[in-house]
Amino acid sequence: MFNKKNPDLETGSSLITALQRPLERRLFLKYAGATAAFTGLILSGCSNDDDDTTKPPTNNEVVDPANNPNATDAVNLGTGDVGILNYAYALEQLEAAFYTRVVAGFYSGASTAEQQILTDIRDHEVAHRNFFKDALTAAGATPIPELKVNFTSINFSDRGSVLATAKAFEDLGVAAYNGAGKLLQNKAYLLIAGKIVSVEARHAAVIRDLINNGSFADNSVIDANGLDRAMMPLDVISAADKYITTNINANNLPK
């Protein structure tokens, strides 16, 4: 499961060191220091929370589970904790690619506040992506290669299309980290995952409120116990499959 020749892979010290680097840390925490206006946006409508049973997202068509893991060119995420970290790296690649495209040419009518929010989220997702790649490398593991994405189903000039996709990605990201946490054996990795999922949840909240004020924690993502839902890796990859052309083999991940 671990690289016995590199103790950092077992202790997680390389991951923690990477998180503490000034540039990465600044980008990682930037969203937490959002303006009071954004905070007000997130907090408005708290009284509208509903504690019904959660349901899977329905705004994306679910294609083949786990992509095509048996393809000869399939990218193998690996096993154990390294496999889970590569899985997270894959998700961060997808999110970073999406927001980079959004910020490269904002949709028509994007307000200054919306542009700032989306730019901040892009910075975080790029930081997350780079963090996982650098940390895996520093720990003696092999990060998966850059994934090929397919965003042809998204109309980047349309606010509704962009925000609906952002909502799907952020909700999926939160559920993915929640589901993967129990699969991690190293407590240091679990700590890192907890730090990242909290930022992803901030993203999900503000995107949801941009679409529909007060929906930041509605019953489509929060259960009757006030808990975020969780999804297992194969289900997450299935949900994200329409946006990824690279074949991914996640069959060796812990279950």
C-alpha atoms as a PDB file:
ATOM      1  CA  MET A   1       0.000   0.000   0.000  1.00  0.00           C
ATOM      2  CA  PHE A   2       2.789   2.414   0.865  1.00  0.00           C
ATOM      3  CA  ASN A   3       6.252   3.061  -0.528  1.00  0.00           C
ATOM      4  CA  LYS A   4       8.479   1.520   2.115  1.00  0.00           C
ATOM      5  CA  LYS A   5      11.508   3.234   0.622  1.00  0.00           C
ATOM      6  CA  ASN A   6      10.058   6.643   1.311  1.00  0.00           C
ATOM      7  CA  PRO A   7       8.796   7.181   4.873  1.00  0.00           C
ATOM      8  CA  ASP A   8       7.223  10.500   3.871  1.00  0.00           C
ATOM      9  CA  LEU A   9       4.576   8.569   1.954  1.00  0.00           C
ATOM     10  CA  GLU A  10       3.510   6.887   5.169  1.00  0.00           C
ATOM     11  CA  THR A  11       3.723   9.861   7.489  1.00  0.00           C
ATOM     12  CA  GLY A  12       2.159  12.340   5.097  1.00  0.00           C
ATOM     13  CA  SER A  13       4.851  14.880   5.961  1.00  0.00           C
ATOM     14  CA  SER A  14       5.408  15.755   2.304  1.00  0.00           C
ATOM     15  CA  LEU A  15       1.731  16.556   1.896  1.00  0.00           C
ATOM     16  CA  ILE A  16       1.732  18.772   4.957  1.00  0.00           C
ATOM     17  CA  THR A  17       4.933  20.502   3.816  1.00  0.00           C
ATOM     18  CA  ALA A  18       3.368  21.204   0.441  1.00  0.00           C
ATOM     19  CA  LEU A  19       0.287  22.686   2.089  1.00  0.00           C
ATOM     20  CA  GLN A  20       2.463  25.029   4.115  1.00  0.00           C
ATOM     21  CA  ARG A  21       4.270  26.512   1.112  1.00  0.00           C
ATOM     22  CA  PRO A  22       3.493  30.263   0.948  1.00  0.00           C
ATOM     23  CA  LEU A  23       1.991  30.432  -2.557  1.00  0.00           C
ATOM     24  CA  GLU A  24      -0.088  27.283  -2.259  1.00  0.00           C
ATOM     25  CA  ARG A  25      -1.257  28.182   1.219  1.00  0.00           C
ATOM     26  CA  ARG A  26      -2.222  31.712   0.163  1.00  0.00           C
ATOM     27  CA  LEU A  27      -4.319  30.439  -2.746  1.00  0.00           C
ATOM     28  CA  PHE A  28      -5.762  27.625  -0.645  1.00  0.00           C
ATOM     29  CA  LEU A  29      -6.995  29.948   2.076  1.00  0.00           C
ATOM     30  CA  LYS A  30      -7.937  32.901  -0.118  1.00  0.00           C
ATOM     31  CA  TYR A  31     -11.595  31.996  -0.311  1.00  0.00           C
ATOM     32  CA  ALA A  32     -11.888  31.914   3.465  1.00  0.00           C
ATOM     33  CA  GLY A  33     -11.088  35.643   3.429  1.00  0.00           C
ATOM     34  CA  ALA A  34     -13.829  36.599   0.970  1.00  0.00           C
ATOM     35  CA  THR A  35     -15.467  39.991   1.352  1.00  0.00           C
ATOM     36  CA  ALA A  36     -18.304  40.684   3.750  1.00  0.00           C
ATOM     37  CA  ALA A  37     -20.638  40.971   0.769  1.00  0.00           C
ATOM     38  CA  PHE A  38     -19.932  37.418  -0.269  1.00  0.00           C
ATOM     39  CA  THR A  39     -20.338  36.206   3.299  1.00  0.00           C
ATOM     40  CA  GLY A  40     -23.699  37.906   3.458  1.00  0.00           C
ATOM     41  CA  LEU A  41     -24.665  36.202   0.227  1.00  0.00           C
ATOM     42  CA  ILE A  42     -23.867  32.786   1.677  1.00  0.00           C
ATOM     43  CA  LEU A  43     -25.555  33.431   5.027  1.00  0.00           C
ATOM     44  CA  SER A  44     -28.748  34.978   3.679  1.00  0.00           C
ATOM     45  CA  GLY A  45     -31.617  32.542   3.701  1.00  0.00           C
ATOM     46  CA  CYS A  46     -30.314  30.305   6.500  1.00  0.00           C
ATOM     47  CA  SER A  47     -33.871  29.931   7.746  1.00  0.00           C
ATOM     48  CA  ASN A  48     -34.798  28.157   4.522  1.00  0.00           C
ATOM     49  CA  ASP A  49     -32.770  25.022   5.289  1.00  0.00           C
ATOM     50  CA  ASP A  50     -34.742  21.811   4.857  1.00  0.00           C
ATOM     51  CA  ASP A  51     -33.737  18.513   6.462  1.00  0.00           C
ATOM     52  CA  ASP A  52     -35.162  15.989   4.009  1.00  0.00           C
ATOM     53  CA  THR A  53     -33.459  12.847   2.741  1.00  0.00           C
ATOM     54  CA  THR A  54     -30.722  13.568   0.231  1.00  0.00           C
ATOM     55  CA  LYS A  55     -30.921  12.556  -3.412  1.00  0.00           C
ATOM     56  CA  PRO A  56     -28.217  12.042  -6.060  1.00  0.00           C
ATOM     57  CA  PRO A  57     -27.649  14.941  -8.467  1.00  0.00           C
ATOM     58  CA  THR A  58     -29.860  14.831 -11.551  1.00  0.00           C
ATOM     59  CA  ASN A  59     -28.429  17.706 -13.601  1.00  0.00           C
ATOM     60  CA  ASN A  60     -25.801  15.513 -15.296  1.00  0.00           C
ATOM     61  CA  GLU A  61     -26.417  12.453 -17.408  1.00  0.00           C
ATOM     62  CA  VAL A  62     -24.704   9.445 -15.851  1.00  0.00           C
ATOM     63  CA  VAL A  63     -22.679   7.589 -18.436  1.00  0.00           C
ATOM     64  CA  ASP A  64     -20.674   4.360 -18.160  1.00  0.00           C
ATOM     65  CA  PRO A  65     -19.519   3.720 -14.569  1.00  0.00           C
ATOM     66  CA  ALA A  66     -15.779   4.136 -14.092  1.00  0.00           C
ATOM     67  CA  ASN A  67     -15.431   5.264 -17.712  1.00  0.00           C
ATOM     68  CA  ASN A  68     -13.849   2.335 -19.576  1.00  0.00           C
ATOM     69  CA  PRO A  69     -11.395   0.836 -17.083  1.00  0.00           C
ATOM     70  CA  ASN A  70     -10.537  -2.086 -19.353  1.00  0.00           C
ATOM     71  CA  ALA A  71      -9.337   0.068 -22.239  1.00  0.00           C
ATOM     72  CA  THR A  72      -5.668  -0.437 -23.077  1.00  0.00           C
ATOM     73  CA  ASP A  73      -5.029   3.275 -22.633  1.00  0.00           C
ATOM     74  CA  ALA A  74      -6.902   3.548 -19.321  1.00  0.00           C
ATOM     75  CA  VAL A  75      -5.213   5.567 -16.577  1.00  0.00           C
ATOM     76  CA  ASN A  76      -4.892   3.435 -13.462  1.00  0.00           C
ATOM     77  CA  LEU A  77      -5.421   5.483 -10.301  1.00  0.00           C
ATOM     78  CA  GLY A  78      -3.555   2.910  -8.234  1.00  0.00           C
ATOM     79  CA  THR A  79      -4.198   1.290  -4.874  1.00  0.00           C
ATOM     80  CA  GLY A  80      -4.387   2.263  -1.209  1.00  0.00           C
ATOM     81  CA  ASP A  81      -3.909   5.829  -0.084  1.00  0.00           C
ATOM     82  CA  VAL A  82      -1.931   6.738  -3.204  1.00  0.00           C
ATOM     83  CA  GLY A  83      -4.860   5.634  -5.324  1.00  0.00           C
ATOM     84  CA  ILE A  84      -7.233   7.838  -3.341  1.00  0.00           C
ATOM     85  CA  LEU A  85      -4.869  10.801  -3.673  1.00  0.00           C
ATOM     86  CA  ASN A  86      -4.663  10.253  -7.432  1.00  0.00           C
ATOM     87  CA  TYR A  87      -8.459  10.061  -7.481  1.00  0.00           C
ATOM     88  CA  ALA A  88      -8.646  13.446  -5.756  1.00  0.00           C
ATOM     89  CA  TYR A  89      -6.024  14.773  -8.167  1.00  0.00           C
ATOM     90  CA  ALA A  90      -8.198  13.681 -11.098  1.00  0.00           C
ATOM     91  CA  LEU A  91     -11.204  15.548  -9.713  1.00  0.00           C
ATOM     92  CA  GLU A  92      -9.159  18.671  -9.083  1.00  0.00           C
ATOM     93  CA  GLN A  93      -7.841  18.515 -12.652  1.00  0.00           C
ATOM     94  CA  LEU A  94     -11.411  18.506 -13.937  1.00  0.00           C
ATOM     95  CA  GLU A  95     -12.509  21.408 -11.759  1.00  0.00           C
ATOM     96  CA  ALA A  96      -9.398  23.458 -12.495  1.00  0.00           C
ATOM     97  CA  ALA A  97      -9.850  22.970 -16.250  1.00  0.00           C
ATOM     98  CA  PHE A  98     -13.499  24.027 -16.044  1.00  0.00           C
ATOM     99  CA  TYR A  99     -12.954  27.211 -14.044  1.00  0.00           C
ATOM    100  CA  THR A 100      -9.906  28.155 -16.097  1.00  0.00           C
ATOM    101  CA  ARG A 101     -12.140  28.050 -19.163  1.00  0.00           C
ATOM    102  CA  VAL A 102     -14.880  30.042 -17.398  1.00  0.00           C
ATOM    103  CA  VAL A 103     -12.507  32.822 -16.339  1.00  0.00           C
ATOM    104  CA  ALA A 104     -10.852  32.950 -19.774  1.00  0.00           C
ATOM    105  CA  GLY A 105     -14.081  34.397 -21.152  1.00  0.00           C
ATOM    106  CA  PHE A 106     -16.895  35.148 -18.715  1.00  0.00           C
ATOM    107  CA  TYR A 107     -20.478  34.514 -19.728  1.00  0.00           C
ATOM    108  CA  SER A 108     -22.573  37.420 -20.927  1.00  0.00           C
ATOM    109  CA  GLY A 109     -23.743  39.707 -18.149  1.00  0.00           C
ATOM    110  CA  ALA A 110     -21.395  38.367 -15.477  1.00  0.00           C
ATOM    111  CA  SER A 111     -21.320  40.925 -12.667  1.00  0.00           C
ATOM    112  CA  THR A 112     -18.097  42.129 -11.073  1.00  0.00           C
ATOM    113  CA  ALA A 113     -18.946  40.140  -7.943  1.00  0.00           C
ATOM    114  CA  GLU A 114     -19.580  36.972  -9.955  1.00  0.00           C
ATOM    115  CA  GLN A 115     -16.329  37.376 -11.863  1.00  0.00           C
ATOM    116  CA  GLN A 116     -14.422  37.751  -8.593  1.00  0.00           C
ATOM    117  CA  ILE A 117     -16.082  34.684  -7.075  1.00  0.00           C
ATOM    118  CA  LEU A 118     -15.359  32.529 -10.111  1.00  0.00           C
ATOM    119  CA  THR A 119     -11.782  33.794 -10.301  1.00  0.00           C
ATOM    120  CA  ASP A 120     -11.225  32.980  -6.622  1.00  0.00           C
ATOM    121  CA  ILE A 121     -12.644  29.485  -7.132  1.00  0.00           C
ATOM    122  CA  ARG A 122     -10.400  28.977 -10.154  1.00  0.00           C
ATOM    123  CA  ASP A 123      -7.376  29.942  -8.059  1.00  0.00           C
ATOM    124  CA  HIS A 124      -8.337  27.434  -5.378  1.00  0.00           C
ATOM    125  CA  GLU A 125      -8.939  24.578  -7.799  1.00  0.00           C
ATOM    126  CA  VAL A 126      -5.640  25.244  -9.580  1.00  0.00           C
ATOM    127  CA  ALA A 127      -3.907  25.308  -6.181  1.00  0.00           C
ATOM    128  CA  HIS A 128      -5.578  22.015  -5.213  1.00  0.00           C
ATOM    129  CA  ARG A 129      -4.567  20.423  -8.516  1.00  0.00           C
ATOM    130  CA  ASN A 130      -0.955  21.559  -8.232  1.00  0.00           C
ATOM    131  CA  PHE A 131      -0.860  20.603  -4.573  1.00  0.00           C
ATOM    132  CA  PHE A 132      -1.788  16.978  -5.226  1.00  0.00           C
ATOM    133  CA  LYS A 133       0.611  16.640  -8.152  1.00  0.00           C
ATOM    134  CA  ASP A 134       3.545  18.146  -6.269  1.00  0.00           C
ATOM    135  CA  ALA A 135       2.804  16.317  -3.028  1.00  0.00           C
ATOM    136  CA  LEU A 136       2.464  12.911  -4.692  1.00  0.00           C
ATOM    137  CA  THR A 137       5.727  13.484  -6.528  1.00  0.00           C
ATOM    138  CA  ALA A 138       7.521  14.670  -3.380  1.00  0.00           C
ATOM    139  CA  ALA A 139       6.288  11.599  -1.530  1.00  0.00           C
ATOM    140  CA  GLY A 140       7.785   9.250  -4.097  1.00  0.00           C
ATOM    141  CA  ALA A 141       4.492   8.304  -5.787  1.00  0.00           C
ATOM    142  CA  THR A 142       3.521   8.731  -9.439  1.00  0.00           C
ATOM    143  CA  PRO A 143       0.734  11.219 -10.176  1.00  0.00           C
ATOM    144  CA  ILE A 144      -1.595  10.249 -12.991  1.00  0.00           C
ATOM    145  CA  PRO A 145      -1.047  12.146 -16.266  1.00  0.00           C
ATOM    146  CA  GLU A 146      -3.055  15.186 -17.306  1.00  0.00           C
ATOM    147  CA  LEU A 147      -6.618  14.170 -18.134  1.00  0.00           C
ATOM    148  CA  LYS A 148      -8.343  15.105 -21.369  1.00  0.00           C
ATOM    149  CA  VAL A 149     -11.646  16.871 -20.742  1.00  0.00           C
ATOM    150  CA  ASN A 150     -14.780  17.320 -22.828  1.00  0.00           C
ATOM    151  CA  PHE A 151     -16.807  20.468 -22.180  1.00  0.00           C
ATOM    152  CA  THR A 152     -18.798  20.467 -25.422  1.00  0.00           C
ATOM    153  CA  SER A 153     -22.060  20.101 -23.487  1.00  0.00           C
ATOM    154  CA  ILE A 154     -21.437  23.398 -21.660  1.00  0.00           C
ATOM    155  CA  ASN A 155     -22.403  26.781 -23.124  1.00  0.00           C
ATOM    156  CA  PHE A 156     -19.722  28.991 -21.607  1.00  0.00           C
ATOM    157  CA  SER A 157     -21.446  32.147 -22.857  1.00  0.00           C
ATOM    158  CA  ASP A 158     -24.623  31.313 -20.906  1.00  0.00           C
ATOM    159  CA  ARG A 159     -24.839  32.060 -17.179  1.00  0.00           C
ATOM    160  CA  GLY A 160     -27.310  29.259 -16.491  1.00  0.00           C
ATOM    161  CA  SER A 161     -25.195  26.610 -18.209  1.00  0.00           C
ATOM    162  CA  VAL A 162     -21.975  27.690 -16.478  1.00  0.00           C
ATOM    163  CA  LEU A 163     -23.445  27.946 -12.994  1.00  0.00           C
ATOM    164  CA  ALA A 164     -25.396  24.690 -13.321  1.00  0.00           C
ATOM    165  CA  THR A 165     -22.171  22.902 -14.265  1.00  0.00           C
ATOM    166  CA  ALA A 166     -20.285  24.625 -11.438  1.00  0.00           C
ATOM    167  CA  LYS A 167     -22.984  23.507  -9.005  1.00  0.00           C
ATOM    168  CA  ALA A 168     -22.782  19.920 -10.253  1.00  0.00           C
ATOM    169  CA  PHE A 169     -18.982  19.894  -9.962  1.00  0.00           C
ATOM    170  CA  GLU A 170     -18.902  21.441  -6.491  1.00  0.00           C
ATOM    171  CA  ASP A 171     -21.648  19.247  -5.059  1.00  0.00           C
ATOM    172  CA  LEU A 172     -19.932  16.228  -6.591  1.00  0.00           C
ATOM    173  CA  GLY A 173     -16.567  17.292  -5.177  1.00  0.00           C
ATOM    174  CA  VAL A 174     -17.916  17.603  -1.645  1.00  0.00           C
ATOM    175  CA  ALA A 175     -19.632  14.216  -1.878  1.00  0.00           C
ATOM    176  CA  ALA A 176     -16.457  12.683  -3.330  1.00  0.00           C
ATOM    177  CA  TYR A 177     -14.209  13.834  -0.491  1.00  0.00           C
ATOM    178  CA  ASN A 178     -16.810  12.773   2.066  1.00  0.00           C
ATOM    179  CA  GLY A 179     -16.961   9.316   0.528  1.00  0.00           C
ATOM    180  CA  ALA A 180     -13.204   8.920   0.162  1.00  0.00           C
ATOM    181  CA  GLY A 181     -12.346   9.961   3.712  1.00  0.00           C
ATOM    182  CA  LYS A 182     -13.212   6.613   5.237  1.00  0.00           C
ATOM    183  CA  LEU A 183     -11.004   4.856   2.689  1.00  0.00           C
ATOM    184  CA  LEU A 184      -7.829   6.656   3.768  1.00  0.00           C
ATOM    185  CA  GLN A 185      -5.543   4.833   6.178  1.00  0.00           C
ATOM    186  CA  ASN A 186      -3.122   7.650   6.909  1.00  0.00           C
ATOM    187  CA  LYS A 187      -4.474  10.220   9.347  1.00  0.00           C
ATOM    188  CA  ALA A 188      -2.307  12.952   7.837  1.00  0.00           C
ATOM    189  CA  TYR A 189      -3.996  12.425   4.474  1.00  0.00           C
ATOM    190  CA  LEU A 190      -7.409  12.495   6.135  1.00  0.00           C
ATOM    191  CA  LEU A 191      -6.530  15.849   7.719  1.00  0.00           C
ATOM    192  CA  ILE A 192      -5.584  17.254   4.304  1.00  0.00           C
ATOM    193  CA  ALA A 193      -8.795  15.929   2.755  1.00  0.00           C
ATOM    194  CA  GLY A 194     -10.787  17.615   5.529  1.00  0.00           C
ATOM    195  CA  LYS A 195      -9.118  20.946   4.820  1.00  0.00           C
ATOM    196  CA  ILE A 196      -9.864  20.691   1.107  1.00  0.00           C
ATOM    197  CA  VAL A 197     -13.468  19.507   1.396  1.00  0.00           C
ATOM    198  CA  SER A 198     -14.277  22.486   3.614  1.00  0.00           C
ATOM    199  CA  VAL A 199     -13.109  24.817   0.835  1.00  0.00           C
ATOM    200  CA  GLU A 200     -15.075  22.849  -1.754  1.00  0.00           C
ATOM    201  CA  ALA A 201     -18.157  23.214   0.432  1.00  0.00           C
ATOM    202  CA  ARG A 202     -17.661  26.997   0.497  1.00  0.00           C
ATOM    203  CA  HIS A 203     -17.540  26.916  -3.294  1.00  0.00           C
ATOM    204  CA  ALA A 204     -20.701  24.824  -3.475  1.00  0.00           C
ATOM    205  CA  ALA A 205     -22.532  27.178  -1.121  1.00  0.00           C
ATOM    206  CA  VAL A 206     -21.757  30.394  -2.980  1.00  0.00           C
ATOM    207  CA  ILE A 207     -22.465  28.870  -6.423  1.00  0.00           C
ATOM    208  CA  ARG A 208     -25.807  27.578  -5.191  1.00  0.00           C
ATOM    209  CA  ASP A 209     -26.733  30.996  -3.834  1.00  0.00           C
ATOM    210  CA  LEU A 210     -25.778  32.653  -7.121  1.00  0.00           C
ATOM    211  CA  ILE A 211     -28.326  30.377  -8.784  1.00  0.00           C
ATOM    212  CA  ASN A 212     -31.019  30.499  -6.118  1.00  0.00           C
ATOM    213  CA  ASN A 213     -30.555  32.568  -2.968  1.00  0.00           C
ATOM    214  CA  GLY A 214     -30.960  30.468   0.167  1.00  0.00           C
ATOM    215  CA  SER A 215     -30.292  27.116  -1.521  1.00  0.00           C
ATOM    216  CA  PHE A 216     -26.707  26.839  -0.275  1.00  0.00           C
ATOM    217  CA  ALA A 217     -27.549  23.918   2.035  1.00  0.00           C
ATOM    218  CA  ASP A 218     -30.900  22.585   0.889  1.00  0.00           C
ATOM    219  CA  ASN A 219     -32.187  19.035   1.177  1.00  0.00           C
ATOM    220  CA  SER A 220     -30.665  17.943  -2.121  1.00  0.00           C
ATOM    221  CA  VAL A 221     -27.251  17.810  -0.444  1.00  0.00           C
ATOM    222  CA  ILE A 222     -27.946  17.848   3.316  1.00  0.00           C
ATOM    223  CA  ASP A 223     -29.720  14.946   5.037  1.00  0.00           C
ATOM    224  CA  ALA A 224     -32.108  14.949   7.998  1.00  0.00           C
ATOM    225  CA  ASN A 225     -29.139  14.834  10.386  1.00  0.00           C
ATOM    226  CA  GLY A 226     -27.638  17.991   8.895  1.00  0.00           C
ATOM    227  CA  LEU A 227     -24.864  16.030   7.185  1.00  0.00           C
ATOM    228  CA  ASP A 228     -23.510  16.339   3.660  1.00  0.00           C
ATOM    229  CA  ARG A 229     -24.062  13.298   1.504  1.00  0.00           C
ATOM    230  CA  ALA A 230     -21.168  11.078   0.437  1.00  0.00           C
ATOM    231  CA  MET A 231     -20.422   9.172  -2.767  1.00  0.00           C
ATOM    232  CA  MET A 232     -18.013   6.341  -3.471  1.00  0.00           C
ATOM    233  CA  PRO A 233     -15.276   6.779  -6.105  1.00  0.00           C
ATOM    234  CA  LEU A 234     -16.849   4.634  -8.853  1.00  0.00           C
ATOM    235  CA  ASP A 235     -20.128   6.554  -8.535  1.00  0.00           C
ATOM    236  CA  VAL A 236     -18.294   9.886  -8.661  1.00  0.00           C
ATOM    237  CA  ILE A 237     -16.314   8.908 -11.753  1.00  0.00           C
ATOM    238  CA  SER A 238     -19.526   7.731 -13.381  1.00  0.00           C
ATOM    239  CA  ALA A 239     -21.162  11.100 -12.720  1.00  0.00           C
ATOM    240  CA  ALA A 240     -18.147  12.995 -14.082  1.00  0.00           C
ATOM    241  CA  ASP A 241     -17.631  10.685 -17.055  1.00  0.00           C
ATOM    242  CA  LYS A 242     -19.353  12.896 -19.645  1.00  0.00           C
ATOM    243  CA  TYR A 243     -16.741  15.588 -19.024  1.00  0.00           C
ATOM    244  CA  ILE A 244     -13.676  13.313 -19.206  1.00  0.00           C
ATOM    245  CA  THR A 245     -12.458  11.636 -22.396  1.00  0.00           C
ATOM    246  CA  THR A 246      -9.505   9.906 -20.728  1.00  0.00           C
ATOM    247  CA  ASN A 247     -10.375   6.353 -19.711  1.00  0.00           C
ATOM    248  CA  ILE A 248      -9.943   5.893 -15.973  1.00  0.00           C
ATOM    249  CA  ASN A 249      -9.414   2.613 -14.136  1.00  0.00           C
ATOM    250  CA  ALA A 250     -10.514   3.039 -10.516  1.00  0.00           C
ATOM    251  CA  ASN A 251     -11.140  -0.649  -9.889  1.00  0.00           C
ATOM    252  CA  ASN A 252      -8.078  -1.022  -7.654  1.00  0.00           C
ATOM    253  CA  LEU A 253      -9.099   1.682  -5.208  1.00  0.00           C
ATOM    254  CA  PRO A 254     -10.029   0.573  -1.679  1.00  0.00           C
ATOM    255  CA  LYS A 255     -13.737  -0.067  -1.205  1.00  0.00           C
END
